[in-house]
N, C-alpha and C. Protein backbone atom coordinates (compact mmCIF):
# COMPACT_ATOMS: atom_id res chain seq x y z
N MET A 1 0.83 -1.19 0.00
CA MET A 1 0.00 0.00 0.00
C MET A 1 0.88 1.25 0.00
N GLU A 2 1.98 1.19 0.70
CA GLU A 2 2.87 2.36 0.74
C GLU A 2 3.46 2.65 -0.63
N ALA A 3 3.71 1.61 -1.42
CA ALA A 3 4.24 1.82 -2.77
C ALA A 3 3.22 2.53 -3.65
N ILE A 4 1.95 2.26 -3.44
CA ILE A 4 0.91 2.95 -4.21
C ILE A 4 0.85 4.41 -3.82
N TYR A 5 0.92 4.67 -2.50
CA TYR A 5 0.89 6.07 -2.04
C TYR A 5 2.11 6.85 -2.51
N ALA A 6 3.27 6.20 -2.53
CA ALA A 6 4.50 6.88 -2.93
C ALA A 6 4.72 6.84 -4.44
N LYS A 7 3.86 6.11 -5.16
CA LYS A 7 3.96 5.95 -6.62
C LYS A 7 5.33 5.40 -7.02
N ASP A 8 5.74 4.36 -6.28
CA ASP A 8 7.03 3.72 -6.52
C ASP A 8 6.78 2.34 -7.13
N LEU A 9 7.03 2.21 -8.41
CA LEU A 9 6.73 0.98 -9.14
C LEU A 9 7.65 -0.17 -8.74
N LEU A 10 8.93 0.10 -8.52
CA LEU A 10 9.88 -0.97 -8.19
C LEU A 10 9.56 -1.60 -6.83
N ILE A 11 9.31 -0.79 -5.84
CA ILE A 11 8.98 -1.33 -4.51
C ILE A 11 7.64 -2.06 -4.55
N GLY A 12 6.70 -1.56 -5.32
CA GLY A 12 5.41 -2.25 -5.46
C GLY A 12 5.55 -3.60 -6.11
N ALA A 13 6.39 -3.69 -7.14
CA ALA A 13 6.61 -4.97 -7.80
C ALA A 13 7.30 -5.96 -6.88
N LEU A 14 8.29 -5.50 -6.14
CA LEU A 14 8.95 -6.39 -5.18
C LEU A 14 7.99 -6.85 -4.08
N GLY A 15 7.16 -5.95 -3.63
CA GLY A 15 6.16 -6.31 -2.61
C GLY A 15 5.18 -7.35 -3.11
N LEU A 16 4.73 -7.19 -4.35
CA LEU A 16 3.83 -8.18 -4.93
C LEU A 16 4.51 -9.52 -5.12
N TYR A 17 5.78 -9.49 -5.48
CA TYR A 17 6.52 -10.75 -5.65
C TYR A 17 6.63 -11.50 -4.32
N PHE A 18 7.04 -10.80 -3.26
CA PHE A 18 7.19 -11.46 -1.97
C PHE A 18 5.85 -11.88 -1.38
N ALA A 19 4.80 -11.11 -1.63
CA ALA A 19 3.47 -11.51 -1.16
C ALA A 19 2.98 -12.74 -1.91
N SER A 20 3.26 -12.82 -3.22
CA SER A 20 2.84 -14.00 -3.97
C SER A 20 3.63 -15.24 -3.56
N MET A 21 4.88 -15.05 -3.12
CA MET A 21 5.65 -16.18 -2.62
C MET A 21 4.98 -16.80 -1.40
N ALA A 22 4.45 -15.96 -0.53
CA ALA A 22 3.78 -16.46 0.67
C ALA A 22 2.43 -17.08 0.34
N VAL A 23 1.69 -16.48 -0.57
CA VAL A 23 0.35 -16.97 -0.90
C VAL A 23 0.40 -18.28 -1.67
N PHE A 24 1.29 -18.37 -2.66
CA PHE A 24 1.34 -19.55 -3.51
C PHE A 24 2.39 -20.57 -3.10
N ASN A 25 3.09 -20.33 -2.00
CA ASN A 25 4.03 -21.26 -1.41
C ASN A 25 5.13 -21.68 -2.39
N PHE A 26 5.82 -20.70 -2.95
CA PHE A 26 6.98 -20.98 -3.78
C PHE A 26 8.10 -20.05 -3.35
N GLY A 27 9.29 -20.36 -3.78
CA GLY A 27 10.41 -19.54 -3.41
C GLY A 27 11.67 -19.98 -4.13
N CYS A 28 12.79 -19.61 -3.57
CA CYS A 28 14.07 -19.93 -4.20
C CYS A 28 14.45 -21.39 -4.01
N CYS A 29 13.77 -22.09 -3.17
CA CYS A 29 14.12 -23.48 -2.86
C CYS A 29 13.10 -24.45 -3.46
N THR A 30 12.69 -24.22 -4.68
CA THR A 30 11.68 -25.08 -5.27
C THR A 30 12.22 -26.45 -5.68
N ASN A 31 13.53 -26.62 -5.76
CA ASN A 31 14.08 -27.91 -6.16
C ASN A 31 14.25 -28.87 -4.99
N GLY A 32 13.84 -28.48 -3.79
CA GLY A 32 13.90 -29.36 -2.64
C GLY A 32 15.23 -29.35 -1.93
N ALA A 33 16.05 -28.36 -2.15
CA ALA A 33 17.37 -28.32 -1.56
C ALA A 33 17.40 -27.62 -0.21
N CYS A 34 16.28 -27.09 0.24
CA CYS A 34 16.30 -26.30 1.47
C CYS A 34 15.87 -27.08 2.71
N PHE A 35 15.54 -28.33 2.58
CA PHE A 35 15.15 -29.09 3.75
C PHE A 35 16.25 -30.06 4.13
N THR A 36 16.26 -30.45 5.37
CA THR A 36 17.24 -31.44 5.83
C THR A 36 16.53 -32.76 6.04
N THR A 37 17.24 -33.82 5.80
CA THR A 37 16.66 -35.14 6.01
C THR A 37 16.74 -35.49 7.48
N ILE A 38 15.78 -36.26 7.93
CA ILE A 38 15.74 -36.69 9.32
C ILE A 38 16.46 -38.03 9.41
N ARG A 39 17.55 -38.02 10.16
CA ARG A 39 18.31 -39.25 10.33
C ARG A 39 17.71 -40.05 11.48
N PRO A 40 17.64 -41.35 11.32
CA PRO A 40 17.14 -42.16 12.43
C PRO A 40 18.14 -42.13 13.58
N ASN A 41 17.63 -41.96 14.76
CA ASN A 41 18.46 -41.88 15.95
C ASN A 41 18.86 -43.30 16.37
N SER A 42 20.15 -43.54 16.43
CA SER A 42 20.61 -44.88 16.79
C SER A 42 20.53 -45.12 18.29
N LYS A 43 20.54 -44.06 19.07
CA LYS A 43 20.44 -44.23 20.52
C LYS A 43 18.97 -44.24 20.94
N SER A 44 18.65 -45.12 21.82
CA SER A 44 17.30 -45.11 22.36
C SER A 44 17.30 -44.34 23.67
N MET A 45 16.16 -44.07 24.17
CA MET A 45 16.06 -43.32 25.42
C MET A 45 16.55 -44.15 26.60
N ASP A 46 16.67 -45.46 26.45
CA ASP A 46 17.14 -46.32 27.54
C ASP A 46 18.65 -46.20 27.75
N ASP A 47 19.38 -45.67 26.77
CA ASP A 47 20.83 -45.57 26.85
C ASP A 47 21.31 -44.35 27.64
N VAL A 48 20.42 -43.52 28.11
CA VAL A 48 20.79 -42.29 28.81
C VAL A 48 21.17 -42.63 30.24
N SER A 49 22.32 -42.12 30.69
CA SER A 49 22.72 -42.32 32.07
C SER A 49 22.85 -40.96 32.75
N TYR A 50 22.46 -40.90 34.02
CA TYR A 50 22.47 -39.66 34.77
C TYR A 50 23.41 -39.81 35.96
N GLU A 51 24.03 -38.73 36.37
CA GLU A 51 24.91 -38.72 37.52
C GLU A 51 24.35 -37.73 38.54
N GLU A 52 24.23 -38.16 39.78
CA GLU A 52 23.67 -37.29 40.82
C GLU A 52 24.76 -36.35 41.33
N ILE A 53 24.42 -35.08 41.43
CA ILE A 53 25.33 -34.07 41.92
C ILE A 53 24.81 -33.56 43.25
N ASN A 54 25.69 -33.57 44.27
CA ASN A 54 25.27 -33.10 45.60
C ASN A 54 25.66 -31.67 45.83
């Protein structure tokens, strides 16, 4: 809205681009390179040992 009031075409275009990224759920990471894989945890919760501190 501020770009319309200031009559700034470049800022308005950038604002529309970033707003459309949020609405349509796309971005620079469309090839799937931005997520990390979940590795299976080899340790179970039974392997945890605790030491009492006085």
